[in-house]
C-alpha atoms as a PDB file:
ATOM      1  CA  MET A   1      -6.020  12.807 -21.440  1.00  0.00           C
ATOM      2  CA  ARG A   2      -2.376  13.463 -20.568  1.00  0.00           C
ATOM      3  CA  LEU A   3      -0.350  10.391 -19.605  1.00  0.00           C
ATOM      4  CA  SER A   4       2.939  10.434 -17.736  1.00  0.00           C
ATOM      5  CA  ARG A   5       5.582   7.909 -18.711  1.00  0.00           C
ATOM      6  CA  PRO A   6       5.769   6.325 -15.218  1.00  0.00           C
ATOM      7  CA  TRP A   7       2.079   5.480 -15.227  1.00  0.00           C
ATOM      8  CA  ILE A   8       2.125   4.288 -18.820  1.00  0.00           C
ATOM      9  CA  VAL A   9       4.876   1.878 -17.904  1.00  0.00           C
ATOM     10  CA  ALA A  10       3.428   0.918 -14.545  1.00  0.00           C
ATOM     11  CA  LEU A  11       0.078  -0.125 -15.903  1.00  0.00           C
ATOM     12  CA  LEU A  12       1.767  -3.001 -17.714  1.00  0.00           C
ATOM     13  CA  SER A  13       2.107  -4.986 -14.492  1.00  0.00           C
ATOM     14  CA  GLY A  14      -1.182  -6.833 -14.801  1.00  0.00           C
ATOM     15  CA  ALA A  15      -1.632 -10.547 -15.557  1.00  0.00           C
ATOM     16  CA  LEU A  16       1.180 -10.945 -18.048  1.00  0.00           C
ATOM     17  CA  SER A  17       3.717  -8.454 -16.703  1.00  0.00           C
ATOM     18  CA  ALA A  18       4.819  -7.786 -20.290  1.00  0.00           C
ATOM     19  CA  SER A  19       5.248  -4.831 -22.636  1.00  0.00           C
ATOM     20  CA  PRO A  20       6.121  -5.440 -26.288  1.00  0.00           C
ATOM     21  CA  ALA A  21       7.325  -2.828 -28.734  1.00  0.00           C
ATOM     22  CA  TYR A  22       6.556  -2.981 -32.442  1.00  0.00           C
ATOM     23  CA  ALA A  23       8.755  -1.922 -35.317  1.00  0.00           C
ATOM     24  CA  ALA A  24       7.317   0.577 -37.768  1.00  0.00           C
ATOM     25  CA  GLY A  25       4.927  -1.146 -40.127  1.00  0.00           C
ATOM     26  CA  GLU A  26       4.967  -4.428 -38.219  1.00  0.00           C
ATOM     27  CA  GLN A  27       1.656  -6.251 -38.141  1.00  0.00           C
ATOM     28  CA  PRO A  28       0.284  -7.480 -34.803  1.00  0.00           C
ATOM     29  CA  LEU A  29       0.514 -11.209 -34.249  1.00  0.00           C
ATOM     30  CA  THR A  30      -2.613 -13.278 -34.421  1.00  0.00           C
ATOM     31  CA  PHE A  31      -3.392 -15.505 -31.475  1.00  0.00           C
ATOM     32  CA  THR A  32      -5.700 -18.443 -31.101  1.00  0.00           C
ATOM     33  CA  ARG A  33      -5.799 -20.964 -28.280  1.00  0.00           C
ATOM     34  CA  THR A  34      -5.537 -23.809 -30.806  1.00  0.00           C
ATOM     35  CA  ASP A  35      -2.668 -22.546 -32.949  1.00  0.00           C
ATOM     36  CA  PRO A  36       0.690 -23.424 -31.316  1.00  0.00           C
ATOM     37  CA  VAL A  37       2.703 -21.509 -33.911  1.00  0.00           C
ATOM     38  CA  SER A  38       0.904 -18.224 -33.334  1.00  0.00           C
ATOM     39  CA  GLN A  39       1.052 -18.800 -29.571  1.00  0.00           C
ATOM     40  CA  ASP A  40       4.814 -19.262 -29.653  1.00  0.00           C
ATOM     41  CA  LYS A  41       5.245 -16.122 -31.742  1.00  0.00           C
ATOM     42  CA  LEU A  42       3.142 -14.162 -29.298  1.00  0.00           C
ATOM     43  CA  TYR A  43       4.969 -15.387 -26.207  1.00  0.00           C
ATOM     44  CA  ASP A  44       8.410 -14.766 -27.695  1.00  0.00           C
ATOM     45  CA  ALA A  45       7.452 -11.312 -28.946  1.00  0.00           C
ATOM     46  CA  LEU A  46       6.067 -10.327 -25.569  1.00  0.00           C
ATOM     47  CA  LEU A  47       9.200 -11.425 -23.777  1.00  0.00           C
ATOM     48  CA  ASP A  48      11.585  -9.875 -26.320  1.00  0.00           C
ATOM     49  CA  ALA A  49       9.840  -6.545 -26.061  1.00  0.00           C
ATOM     50  CA  LEU A  50       9.640  -6.781 -22.301  1.00  0.00           C
ATOM     51  CA  TYR A  51      13.422  -6.758 -22.115  1.00  0.00           C
ATOM     52  CA  ALA A  52      13.524  -4.005 -24.733  1.00  0.00           C
ATOM     53  CA  THR A  53      11.335  -1.821 -22.517  1.00  0.00           C
ATOM     54  CA  PHE A  54      13.407  -1.955 -19.336  1.00  0.00           C
ATOM     55  CA  GLY A  55      16.748  -3.253 -20.600  1.00  0.00           C
ATOM     56  CA  LYS A  56      18.412  -6.494 -19.580  1.00  0.00           C
ATOM     57  CA  HIS A  57      19.526  -6.824 -15.979  1.00  0.00           C
ATOM     58  CA  PRO A  58      21.227 -10.223 -15.683  1.00  0.00           C
ATOM     59  CA  GLY A  59      19.751 -12.433 -13.011  1.00  0.00           C
ATOM     60  CA  PHE A  60      16.680 -10.242 -12.508  1.00  0.00           C
ATOM     61  CA  ARG A  61      13.118 -10.542 -13.725  1.00  0.00           C
ATOM     62  CA  ALA A  62      12.072  -8.541 -16.751  1.00  0.00           C
ATOM     63  CA  THR A  63       9.377  -6.881 -14.638  1.00  0.00           C
ATOM     64  CA  HIS A  64       8.932  -6.966 -10.880  1.00  0.00           C
ATOM     65  CA  ALA A  65      12.728  -7.043 -10.799  1.00  0.00           C
ATOM     66  CA  LYS A  66      13.027  -5.821  -7.219  1.00  0.00           C
ATOM     67  CA  GLY A  67      11.545  -8.277  -4.772  1.00  0.00           C
ATOM     68  CA  LEU A  68      11.819  -9.843  -1.352  1.00  0.00           C
ATOM     69  CA  LEU A  69      11.443 -13.530  -0.477  1.00  0.00           C
ATOM     70  CA  VAL A  70       9.744 -14.370   2.799  1.00  0.00           C
ATOM     71  CA  ASN A  71       9.316 -17.805   4.372  1.00  0.00           C
ATOM     72  CA  GLY A  72       6.255 -18.943   6.240  1.00  0.00           C
ATOM     73  CA  THR A  73       3.420 -21.425   6.484  1.00  0.00           C
ATOM     74  CA  PHE A  74      -0.114 -21.597   5.176  1.00  0.00           C
ATOM     75  CA  THR A  75      -2.858 -23.218   7.221  1.00  0.00           C
ATOM     76  CA  ALA A  76      -6.146 -23.812   5.452  1.00  0.00           C
ATOM     77  CA  SER A  77      -9.474 -23.104   7.105  1.00  0.00           C
ATOM     78  CA  LEU A  78     -12.107 -25.758   7.734  1.00  0.00           C
ATOM     79  CA  ALA A  79     -14.171 -24.251   4.921  1.00  0.00           C
ATOM     80  CA  ALA A  80     -11.421 -24.573   2.310  1.00  0.00           C
ATOM     81  CA  ALA A  81     -11.794 -28.338   1.849  1.00  0.00           C
ATOM     82  CA  SER A  82     -15.493 -27.903   1.102  1.00  0.00           C
ATOM     83  CA  LEU A  83     -14.513 -25.918  -2.000  1.00  0.00           C
ATOM     84  CA  SER A  84     -11.462 -27.814  -3.239  1.00  0.00           C
ATOM     85  CA  ARG A  85      -9.745 -31.149  -2.726  1.00  0.00           C
ATOM     86  CA  ALA A  86      -6.350 -29.566  -3.520  1.00  0.00           C
ATOM     87  CA  ALA A  87      -3.760 -30.906  -1.097  1.00  0.00           C
ATOM     88  CA  HIS A  88      -2.757 -27.550   0.403  1.00  0.00           C
ATOM     89  CA  LEU A  89      -6.390 -26.723   1.253  1.00  0.00           C
ATOM     90  CA  GLN A  90      -7.054 -29.678   3.558  1.00  0.00           C
ATOM     91  CA  GLY A  91      -6.046 -28.053   6.844  1.00  0.00           C
ATOM     92  CA  LYS A  92      -2.500 -29.194   7.547  1.00  0.00           C
ATOM     93  CA  PRO A  93       0.167 -26.465   7.697  1.00  0.00           C
ATOM     94  CA  VAL A  94       2.066 -26.190   4.413  1.00  0.00           C
ATOM     95  CA  PRO A  95       5.442 -24.439   4.008  1.00  0.00           C
ATOM     96  CA  VAL A  96       5.301 -21.440   1.697  1.00  0.00           C
ATOM     97  CA  VAL A  97       7.627 -18.859   0.257  1.00  0.00           C
ATOM     98  CA  LEU A  98       6.185 -15.514  -0.818  1.00  0.00           C
ATOM     99  CA  ARG A  99       7.833 -13.028  -3.118  1.00  0.00           C
ATOM    100  CA  PHE A 100       6.684  -9.451  -2.639  1.00  0.00           C
ATOM    101  CA  SER A 101       7.746  -7.100  -5.412  1.00  0.00           C
ATOM    102  CA  ASN A 102       7.587  -3.724  -7.096  1.00  0.00           C
ATOM    103  CA  PHE A 103       6.418  -3.501 -10.679  1.00  0.00           C
ATOM    104  CA  SER A 104       9.381  -1.942 -12.468  1.00  0.00           C
ATOM    105  CA  GLY A 105      11.813  -4.060 -14.459  1.00  0.00           C
ATOM    106  CA  VAL A 106      14.725  -1.920 -13.232  1.00  0.00           C
ATOM    107  CA  PRO A 107      16.140  -3.401  -9.999  1.00  0.00           C
ATOM    108  CA  ALA A 108      17.310   0.015  -8.746  1.00  0.00           C
ATOM    109  CA  THR A 109      13.791   1.512  -8.808  1.00  0.00           C
ATOM    110  CA  VAL A 110      13.110   2.896  -5.330  1.00  0.00           C
ATOM    111  CA  ASP A 111      10.086   1.689  -3.385  1.00  0.00           C
ATOM    112  CA  GLY A 112       8.330   5.072  -3.530  1.00  0.00           C
ATOM    113  CA  ASP A 113       8.655   5.535  -7.290  1.00  0.00           C
ATOM    114  CA  PRO A 114       5.354   5.516  -9.239  1.00  0.00           C
ATOM    115  CA  MET A 115       6.837   2.774 -11.431  1.00  0.00           C
ATOM    116  CA  ALA A 116       6.905   0.528  -8.359  1.00  0.00           C
ATOM    117  CA  SER A 117       3.097   0.184  -8.440  1.00  0.00           C
ATOM    118  CA  PRO A 118       1.075  -1.970  -8.764  1.00  0.00           C
ATOM    119  CA  ARG A 119       2.845  -4.177  -6.224  1.00  0.00           C
ATOM    120  CA  GLY A 120       3.111  -7.892  -6.806  1.00  0.00           C
ATOM    121  CA  VAL A 121       2.908 -11.030  -4.733  1.00  0.00           C
ATOM    122  CA  ALA A 122       3.719 -14.596  -5.724  1.00  0.00           C
ATOM    123  CA  VAL A 123       3.199 -17.618  -3.476  1.00  0.00           C
ATOM    124  CA  ARG A 124       4.787 -21.061  -3.687  1.00  0.00           C
ATOM    125  CA  PHE A 125       3.047 -23.819  -1.685  1.00  0.00           C
ATOM    126  CA  LYS A 126       5.487 -26.688  -1.009  1.00  0.00           C
ATOM    127  CA  LEU A 127       3.717 -30.013  -0.442  1.00  0.00           C
ATOM    128  CA  PRO A 128       5.150 -33.084   1.326  1.00  0.00           C
ATOM    129  CA  ASN A 129       5.120 -35.247  -1.814  1.00  0.00           C
ATOM    130  CA  GLY A 130       7.370 -32.823  -3.678  1.00  0.00           C
ATOM    131  CA  GLU A 131       4.535 -31.168  -5.596  1.00  0.00           C
ATOM    132  CA  PHE A 132       4.001 -27.448  -5.498  1.00  0.00           C
ATOM    133  CA  THR A 133       1.486 -24.919  -6.703  1.00  0.00           C
ATOM    134  CA  ASP A 134       1.522 -21.145  -7.046  1.00  0.00           C
ATOM    135  CA  ILE A 135      -0.575 -18.019  -6.775  1.00  0.00           C
ATOM    136  CA  VAL A 136       0.394 -14.818  -8.594  1.00  0.00           C
ATOM    137  CA  GLY A 137      -1.378 -11.528  -7.955  1.00  0.00           C
ATOM    138  CA  HIS A 138      -1.014  -7.772  -8.012  1.00  0.00           C
ATOM    139  CA  SER A 139      -2.445  -4.845  -6.088  1.00  0.00           C
ATOM    140  CA  PHE A 140      -5.163  -3.840  -8.553  1.00  0.00           C
ATOM    141  CA  ASP A 141      -8.529  -5.544  -8.892  1.00  0.00           C
ATOM    142  CA  GLY A 142      -8.560  -6.279 -12.598  1.00  0.00           C
ATOM    143  CA  PHE A 143      -6.555  -6.182 -15.788  1.00  0.00           C
ATOM    144  CA  PRO A 144      -6.954  -3.612 -18.572  1.00  0.00           C
ATOM    145  CA  VAL A 145      -8.131  -6.077 -21.235  1.00  0.00           C
ATOM    146  CA  ALA A 146      -9.779  -9.463 -21.592  1.00  0.00           C
ATOM    147  CA  THR A 147      -7.759 -11.338 -24.213  1.00  0.00           C
ATOM    148  CA  PRO A 148      -4.222 -11.632 -25.569  1.00  0.00           C
ATOM    149  CA  LEU A 149      -5.293  -9.955 -28.816  1.00  0.00           C
ATOM    150  CA  GLU A 150      -6.678  -6.970 -26.949  1.00  0.00           C
ATOM    151  CA  PHE A 151      -3.543  -6.898 -24.860  1.00  0.00           C
ATOM    152  CA  LEU A 152      -1.442  -6.654 -28.006  1.00  0.00           C
ATOM    153  CA  GLY A 153      -3.489  -3.714 -29.233  1.00  0.00           C
ATOM    154  CA  PHE A 154      -3.171  -2.012 -25.887  1.00  0.00           C
ATOM    155  CA  LEU A 155       0.576  -2.538 -25.743  1.00  0.00           C
ATOM    156  CA  LYS A 156       1.030  -1.369 -29.324  1.00  0.00           C
ATOM    157  CA  GLY A 157      -0.598   1.886 -28.285  1.00  0.00           C
ATOM    158  CA  ILE A 158       1.677   2.140 -25.257  1.00  0.00           C
ATOM    159  CA  ALA A 159       4.757   1.492 -27.393  1.00  0.00           C
ATOM    160  CA  ALA A 160       3.766   4.269 -29.813  1.00  0.00           C
ATOM    161  CA  THR A 161       3.146   6.700 -26.968  1.00  0.00           C
ATOM    162  CA  VAL A 162       6.606   6.256 -25.436  1.00  0.00           C
ATOM    163  CA  ALA A 163       8.449   5.991 -28.766  1.00  0.00           C
ATOM    164  CA  THR A 164      10.713   8.696 -30.191  1.00  0.00           C
ATOM    165  CA  PRO A 165       8.988  10.677 -31.542  1.00  0.00           C
ATOM    166  CA  PRO A 166       5.868   9.816 -29.544  1.00  0.00           C
ATOM    167  CA  ASP A 167       2.576   9.097 -31.266  1.00  0.00           C
ATOM    168  CA  PRO A 168      -0.338   9.188 -28.803  1.00  0.00           C
ATOM    169  CA  GLN A 169      -3.025   8.461 -31.400  1.00  0.00           C
ATOM    170  CA  PRO A 170      -2.965   4.621 -31.297  1.00  0.00           C
ATOM    171  CA  LEU A 171      -3.367   4.558 -27.525  1.00  0.00           C
ATOM    172  CA  GLN A 172      -6.066   7.216 -27.548  1.00  0.00           C
ATOM    173  CA  ALA A 173      -7.989   5.247 -30.169  1.00  0.00           C
ATOM    174  CA  PHE A 174      -7.621   2.040 -28.189  1.00  0.00           C
ATOM    175  CA  LEU A 175      -8.764   3.638 -24.928  1.00  0.00           C
ATOM    176  CA  ALA A 176     -11.776   5.162 -26.670  1.00  0.00           C
ATOM    177  CA  GLU A 177     -12.939   1.636 -27.532  1.00  0.00           C
ATOM    178  CA  HIS A 178     -11.825  -0.058 -24.287  1.00  0.00           C
ATOM    179  CA  PRO A 179     -13.145   1.833 -21.247  1.00  0.00           C
ATOM    180  CA  ARG A 180     -11.820  -0.732 -18.780  1.00  0.00           C
ATOM    181  CA  ALA A 181      -8.305  -0.139 -20.079  1.00  0.00           C
ATOM    182  CA  ARG A 182      -8.828   3.580 -19.545  1.00  0.00           C
ATOM    183  CA  HIS A 183     -10.081   2.897 -16.021  1.00  0.00           C
ATOM    184  CA  PHE A 184      -7.027   0.772 -15.266  1.00  0.00           C
ATOM    185  CA  LEU A 185      -4.729   3.500 -16.539  1.00  0.00           C
ATOM    186  CA  GLU A 186      -6.373   6.408 -14.757  1.00  0.00           C
ATOM    187  CA  THR A 187      -7.086   4.820 -11.376  1.00  0.00           C
ATOM    188  CA  PRO A 188      -4.592   5.932  -8.685  1.00  0.00           C
ATOM    189  CA  LYS A 189      -2.344   3.179  -7.353  1.00  0.00           C
ATOM    190  CA  PRO A 190      -1.023   4.453  -4.016  1.00  0.00           C
ATOM    191  CA  ALA A 191       2.007   2.945  -2.349  1.00  0.00           C
ATOM    192  CA  PRO A 192       1.538   0.724   0.713  1.00  0.00           C
ATOM    193  CA  SER A 193       3.126   1.358   4.089  1.00  0.00           C
ATOM    194  CA  SER A 194       4.090  -2.327   4.097  1.00  0.00           C
ATOM    195  CA  TYR A 195       4.051  -5.193   1.643  1.00  0.00           C
ATOM    196  CA  THR A 196       1.569  -6.804   4.040  1.00  0.00           C
ATOM    197  CA  SER A 197      -0.719  -3.750   4.277  1.00  0.00           C
ATOM    198  CA  ILE A 198      -2.254  -3.892   0.795  1.00  0.00           C
ATOM    199  CA  GLU A 199      -4.650  -6.226  -1.005  1.00  0.00           C
ATOM    200  CA  TYR A 200      -3.445  -8.431  -3.852  1.00  0.00           C
ATOM    201  CA  PHE A 201      -5.772  -9.836  -6.499  1.00  0.00           C
ATOM    202  CA  GLY A 202      -5.500 -12.937  -8.632  1.00  0.00           C
ATOM    203  CA  VAL A 203      -7.376 -11.385 -11.531  1.00  0.00           C
ATOM    204  CA  ASN A 204      -7.913 -14.603 -13.512  1.00  0.00           C
ATOM    205  CA  SER A 205     -10.594 -17.069 -12.463  1.00  0.00           C
ATOM    206  CA  LEU A 206      -9.959 -20.726 -11.633  1.00  0.00           C
ATOM    207  CA  VAL A 207     -12.217 -23.743 -11.182  1.00  0.00           C
ATOM    208  CA  PHE A 208     -12.220 -25.398  -7.753  1.00  0.00           C
ATOM    209  CA  SER A 209     -13.432 -29.013  -7.441  1.00  0.00           C
ATOM    210  CA  ASN A 210     -14.125 -30.638  -4.073  1.00  0.00           C
ATOM    211  CA  HIS A 211     -14.159 -34.278  -2.971  1.00  0.00           C
ATOM    212  CA  GLU A 212     -17.707 -34.675  -4.334  1.00  0.00           C
ATOM    213  CA  ASN A 213     -16.599 -33.258  -7.713  1.00  0.00           C
ATOM    214  CA  GLN A 214     -18.698 -30.158  -7.167  1.00  0.00           C
ATOM    215  CA  GLU A 215     -17.224 -27.220  -9.060  1.00  0.00           C
ATOM    216  CA  GLN A 216     -17.030 -23.554  -8.147  1.00  0.00           C
ATOM    217  CA  ILE A 217     -15.363 -20.765 -10.116  1.00  0.00           C
ATOM    218  CA  VAL A 218     -13.290 -18.476  -7.908  1.00  0.00           C
ATOM    219  CA  ARG A 219     -10.779 -15.664  -7.891  1.00  0.00           C
ATOM    220  CA  TYR A 220      -8.090 -15.269  -5.247  1.00  0.00           C
ATOM    221  CA  ARG A 221      -7.486 -12.291  -3.021  1.00  0.00           C
ATOM    222  CA  ILE A 222      -4.756 -11.944  -0.401  1.00  0.00           C
ATOM    223  CA  GLU A 223      -5.503  -9.306   2.201  1.00  0.00           C
ATOM    224  CA  PRO A 224      -4.130  -7.786   5.418  1.00  0.00           C
ATOM    225  CA  LEU A 225      -5.742  -8.870   8.672  1.00  0.00           C
ATOM    226  CA  THR A 226      -6.367  -5.305   9.837  1.00  0.00           C
ATOM    227  CA  GLY A 227      -7.258  -3.473   6.637  1.00  0.00           C
ATOM    228  CA  GLN A 228      -5.127  -1.620   4.134  1.00  0.00           C
ATOM    229  CA  SER A 229      -2.563   1.027   5.073  1.00  0.00           C
ATOM    230  CA  LEU A 230      -1.564   3.217   2.132  1.00  0.00           C
ATOM    231  CA  ILE A 231       0.488   6.387   1.816  1.00  0.00           C
ATOM    232  CA  GLY A 232       0.159   9.384  -0.473  1.00  0.00           C
ATOM    233  CA  ASP A 233       2.410  10.141  -3.416  1.00  0.00           C
ATOM    234  CA  GLN A 234       4.255  12.965  -1.662  1.00  0.00           C
ATOM    235  CA  GLN A 235       5.008  10.841   1.379  1.00  0.00           C
ATOM    236  CA  ALA A 236       6.049   7.916  -0.824  1.00  0.00           C
ATOM    237  CA  ALA A 237       8.524  10.148  -2.654  1.00  0.00           C
ATOM    238  CA  ARG A 238      10.181  11.038   0.668  1.00  0.00           C
ATOM    239  CA  MET A 239      10.534   7.451   1.865  1.00  0.00           C
ATOM    240  CA  PRO A 240      13.901   5.635   1.880  1.00  0.00           C
ATOM    241  CA  ALA A 241      14.741   3.728  -1.281  1.00  0.00           C
ATOM    242  CA  ASP A 242      14.158   0.334   0.352  1.00  0.00           C
ATOM    243  CA  TYR A 243      11.518   1.268   2.900  1.00  0.00           C
ATOM    244  CA  LEU A 244       9.297  -1.742   2.169  1.00  0.00           C
ATOM    245  CA  GLN A 245      12.132  -4.203   2.609  1.00  0.00           C
ATOM    246  CA  ASP A 246      13.282  -2.376   5.744  1.00  0.00           C
ATOM    247  CA  GLU A 247       9.754  -2.471   7.160  1.00  0.00           C
ATOM    248  CA  MET A 248       9.433  -6.204   6.539  1.00  0.00           C
ATOM    249  CA  THR A 249      12.784  -6.872   8.199  1.00  0.00           C
ATOM    250  CA  ALA A 250      11.784  -4.884  11.284  1.00  0.00           C
ATOM    251  CA  ARG A 251       8.294  -6.394  11.397  1.00  0.00           C
ATOM    252  CA  LEU A 252       9.495  -9.989  11.309  1.00  0.00           C
ATOM    253  CA  ALA A 253      12.118  -9.223  13.954  1.00  0.00           C
ATOM    254  CA  ARG A 254       9.197  -8.399  16.275  1.00  0.00           C
ATOM    255  CA  GLY A 255       7.251 -11.544  15.381  1.00  0.00           C
ATOM    256  CA  PRO A 256       5.304 -13.219  12.571  1.00  0.00           C
ATOM    257  CA  ALA A 257       3.062 -11.316  10.165  1.00  0.00           C
ATOM    258  CA  GLN A 258      -0.189 -12.760   8.864  1.00  0.00           C
ATOM    259  CA  MET A 259      -2.366 -12.322   5.784  1.00  0.00           C
ATOM    260  CA  ARG A 260      -5.607 -13.996   4.695  1.00  0.00           C
ATOM    261  CA  LEU A 261      -6.199 -15.965   1.522  1.00  0.00           C
ATOM    262  CA  ILE A 262      -9.727 -15.380   0.263  1.00  0.00           C
ATOM    263  CA  ALA A 263     -11.708 -17.097  -2.483  1.00  0.00           C
ATOM    264  CA  GLN A 264     -14.274 -14.840  -4.120  1.00  0.00           C
ATOM    265  CA  LEU A 265     -17.039 -17.043  -5.518  1.00  0.00           C
ATOM    266  CA  ALA A 266     -18.551 -16.351  -8.914  1.00  0.00           C
ATOM    267  CA  ALA A 267     -22.315 -15.964  -8.994  1.00  0.00           C
ATOM    268  CA  SER A 268     -24.680 -16.657 -11.850  1.00  0.00           C
ATOM    269  CA  GLY A 269     -24.109 -14.079 -14.565  1.00  0.00           C
ATOM    270  CA  ASP A 270     -20.594 -13.113 -13.511  1.00  0.00           C
ATOM    271  CA  VAL A 271     -18.105 -12.924 -16.373  1.00  0.00           C
ATOM    272  CA  VAL A 272     -15.513 -15.594 -15.626  1.00  0.00           C
ATOM    273  CA  GLU A 273     -13.388 -15.428 -18.789  1.00  0.00           C
ATOM    274  CA  ASP A 274     -12.553 -11.711 -18.595  1.00  0.00           C
ATOM    275  CA  GLY A 275     -10.067 -10.595 -15.945  1.00  0.00           C
ATOM    276  CA  SER A 276     -10.689  -6.928 -16.744  1.00  0.00           C
ATOM    277  CA  ILE A 277     -14.137  -7.097 -15.112  1.00  0.00           C
ATOM    278  CA  PRO A 278     -13.956  -7.241 -11.307  1.00  0.00           C
ATOM    279  CA  TRP A 279     -16.706  -9.153  -9.588  1.00  0.00           C
ATOM    280  CA  PRO A 280     -18.810  -7.157  -7.116  1.00  0.00           C
ATOM    281  CA  ARG A 281     -17.326  -7.086  -3.633  1.00  0.00           C
ATOM    282  CA  ASN A 282     -20.634  -8.265  -2.194  1.00  0.00           C
ATOM    283  CA  ARG A 283     -20.160 -11.683  -3.793  1.00  0.00           C
ATOM    284  CA  ARG A 284     -19.895 -14.561  -1.361  1.00  0.00           C
ATOM    285  CA  GLU A 285     -16.350 -15.056  -0.104  1.00  0.00           C
ATOM    286  CA  VAL A 286     -14.691 -17.934   1.717  1.00  0.00           C
ATOM    287  CA  GLU A 287     -11.581 -17.536   3.819  1.00  0.00           C
ATOM    288  CA  LEU A 288      -9.293 -20.283   2.574  1.00  0.00           C
ATOM    289  CA  GLY A 289      -6.724 -19.869   5.318  1.00  0.00           C
ATOM    290  CA  LEU A 290      -3.927 -17.837   6.855  1.00  0.00           C
ATOM    291  CA  PHE A 291      -0.390 -17.125   5.776  1.00  0.00           C
ATOM    292  CA  THR A 292       1.974 -16.787   8.719  1.00  0.00           C
ATOM    293  CA  LEU A 293       5.200 -15.116   7.606  1.00  0.00           C
ATOM    294  CA  ASP A 294       8.074 -15.720   9.989  1.00  0.00           C
ATOM    295  CA  SER A 295      11.456 -15.090   8.358  1.00  0.00           C
ATOM    296  CA  LEU A 296      13.258 -13.600   5.406  1.00  0.00           C
ATOM    297  CA  VAL A 297      15.304 -15.730   3.079  1.00  0.00           C
ATOM    298  CA  PRO A 298      18.862 -14.820   4.190  1.00  0.00           C
ATOM    299  CA  ALA A 299      20.173 -11.706   2.471  1.00  0.00           C
ATOM    300  CA  GLU A 300      23.129 -13.541   0.962  1.00  0.00           C
ATOM    301  CA  ASP A 301      20.733 -16.043  -0.661  1.00  0.00           C
ATOM    302  CA  GLN A 302      18.016 -13.653  -1.847  1.00  0.00           C
ATOM    303  CA  GLN A 303      19.239 -12.948  -5.378  1.00  0.00           C
ATOM    304  CA  ALA A 304      20.184 -16.540  -6.196  1.00  0.00           C
ATOM    305  CA  ALA A 305      16.883 -17.834  -4.839  1.00  0.00           C
ATOM    306  CA  GLN A 306      14.892 -15.241  -6.772  1.00  0.00           C
ATOM    307  CA  GLN A 307      16.741 -16.095  -9.960  1.00  0.00           C
ATOM    308  CA  ARG A 308      15.978 -19.776  -9.443  1.00  0.00           C
ATOM    309  CA  LEU A 309      12.331 -19.551  -8.371  1.00  0.00           C
ATOM    310  CA  ASP A 310       9.686 -19.309 -11.069  1.00  0.00           C
ATOM    311  CA  PHE A 311       6.078 -18.669 -10.147  1.00  0.00           C
ATOM    312  CA  SER A 312       3.101 -19.223 -12.445  1.00  0.00           C
ATOM    313  CA  PRO A 313      -0.662 -18.819 -11.992  1.00  0.00           C
ATOM    314  CA  GLY A 314      -1.049 -21.838 -14.281  1.00  0.00           C
ATOM    315  CA  ARG A 315       0.874 -24.209 -12.016  1.00  0.00           C
ATOM    316  CA  LEU A 316      -2.083 -26.063 -10.502  1.00  0.00           C
ATOM    317  CA  LEU A 317      -2.909 -29.221  -8.540  1.00  0.00           C
ATOM    318  CA  ASP A 318      -5.735 -31.731  -8.619  1.00  0.00           C
ATOM    319  CA  GLY A 319      -8.743 -29.843  -7.307  1.00  0.00           C
ATOM    320  CA  ILE A 320      -7.896 -26.597  -9.124  1.00  0.00           C
ATOM    321  CA  ALA A 321      -8.186 -26.178 -12.899  1.00  0.00           C
ATOM    322  CA  LEU A 322      -8.021 -23.494 -15.555  1.00  0.00           C
ATOM    323  CA  SER A 323     -11.216 -21.649 -16.368  1.00  0.00           C
ATOM    324  CA  ARG A 324     -12.184 -20.204 -19.754  1.00  0.00           C
ATOM    325  CA  ASP A 325     -10.027 -17.146 -19.049  1.00  0.00           C
ATOM    326  CA  PRO A 326      -7.362 -17.254 -21.811  1.00  0.00           C
ATOM    327  CA  MET A 327      -4.895 -15.046 -19.964  1.00  0.00           C
ATOM    328  CA  THR A 328      -3.911 -17.644 -17.352  1.00  0.00           C
ATOM    329  CA  LEU A 329      -2.519 -20.002 -19.959  1.00  0.00           C
ATOM    330  CA  ALA A 330      -0.761 -17.149 -21.741  1.00  0.00           C
ATOM    331  CA  ARG A 331       0.881 -15.997 -18.509  1.00  0.00           C
ATOM    332  CA  ASP A 332       2.030 -19.525 -17.737  1.00  0.00           C
ATOM    333  CA  ARG A 333       3.751 -19.924 -21.087  1.00  0.00           C
ATOM    334  CA  ILE A 334       5.452 -16.539 -20.935  1.00  0.00           C
ATOM    335  CA  TYR A 335       6.745 -17.163 -17.410  1.00  0.00           C
ATOM    336  CA  GLN A 336       8.242 -20.469 -18.527  1.00  0.00           C
ATOM    337  CA  ARG A 337      10.224 -18.659 -21.192  1.00  0.00           C
ATOM    338  CA  ALA A 338      11.185 -15.856 -18.836  1.00  0.00           C
ATOM    339  CA  VAL A 339      12.799 -18.090 -16.227  1.00  0.00           C
ATOM    340  CA  LEU A 340      14.919 -19.826 -18.861  1.00  0.00           C
ATOM    341  CA  ARG A 341      16.236 -16.512 -20.113  1.00  0.00           C
ATOM    342  CA  ARG A 342      16.809 -15.218 -16.593  1.00  0.00           C
ATOM    343  CA  GLN A 343      18.973 -18.211 -15.765  1.00  0.00           C
ATOM    344  CA  GLN A 344      21.127 -17.840 -18.860  1.00  0.00           C
ATOM    345  CA  PRO A 345      24.617 -16.452 -18.202  1.00  0.00           C
END
């Protein structure tokens, strides 16, 4: 299998949005959910190497550096409260800010570049009592691996492949033993015609609890109201550098844009602790509500607001809890470190 550098780099978007490099002879870190020391080493190493991969761009994220903040509201459906007692799912309109983004950690990456995919979305729900909760997703249904340890092995193979001189053997060996990682790498990831014309997946499962303390394991999906609209690689390469931002500006000038928030419900036998295994699309789904996007954060405030805002899939409210999926906690801890570094002068 021949791998191009853009797709090797782009596949790192996933749940952690991280890409560590290893020095020659360095041993991979061990990771257990009960060992704080090894956890801290892992999180710091991931973030250090993330900056090493794309370089440091002060004030910008280490990946998904180029983004666009959009204001709006979320209104939950009547069915949402039957699944969760979380405050933003009870039916009253809740202010939200969404950040749509391209994958690359280089802010100048144009929207049609292969390194811009998968696309990202992050949602901040702002509740009246000052609480908030987030959703983080990307435009691929799944992640290449199930655990932080597997992720380290995968990334070590990537680092060797793009090193000088390159050594493709570690990655080839890893992919031979991890077919879902190979699938993630080889699956085309076409560009969207709009940030609102593509599906986004929260690949890690969560546990919803309703007012009767009934629990249901779910995964999020955010989808267009009228189906996906994607463009081919050749057309994407001809598009203006900021075509997705330009499209959003023009769209909102005509009126609000809407997207659905869906909960995909786990069925008996579904693997809930492994984000690399998508659940069948015929699983029961519940529409949790509608996002109505009405305005951009003013252009002069975009960069400062993006530097300040930190989104995390582990930032939860009563009525939503972590599942057995270990990647959600890992992502949360890495994002906490990332925002602190981003805000440093």
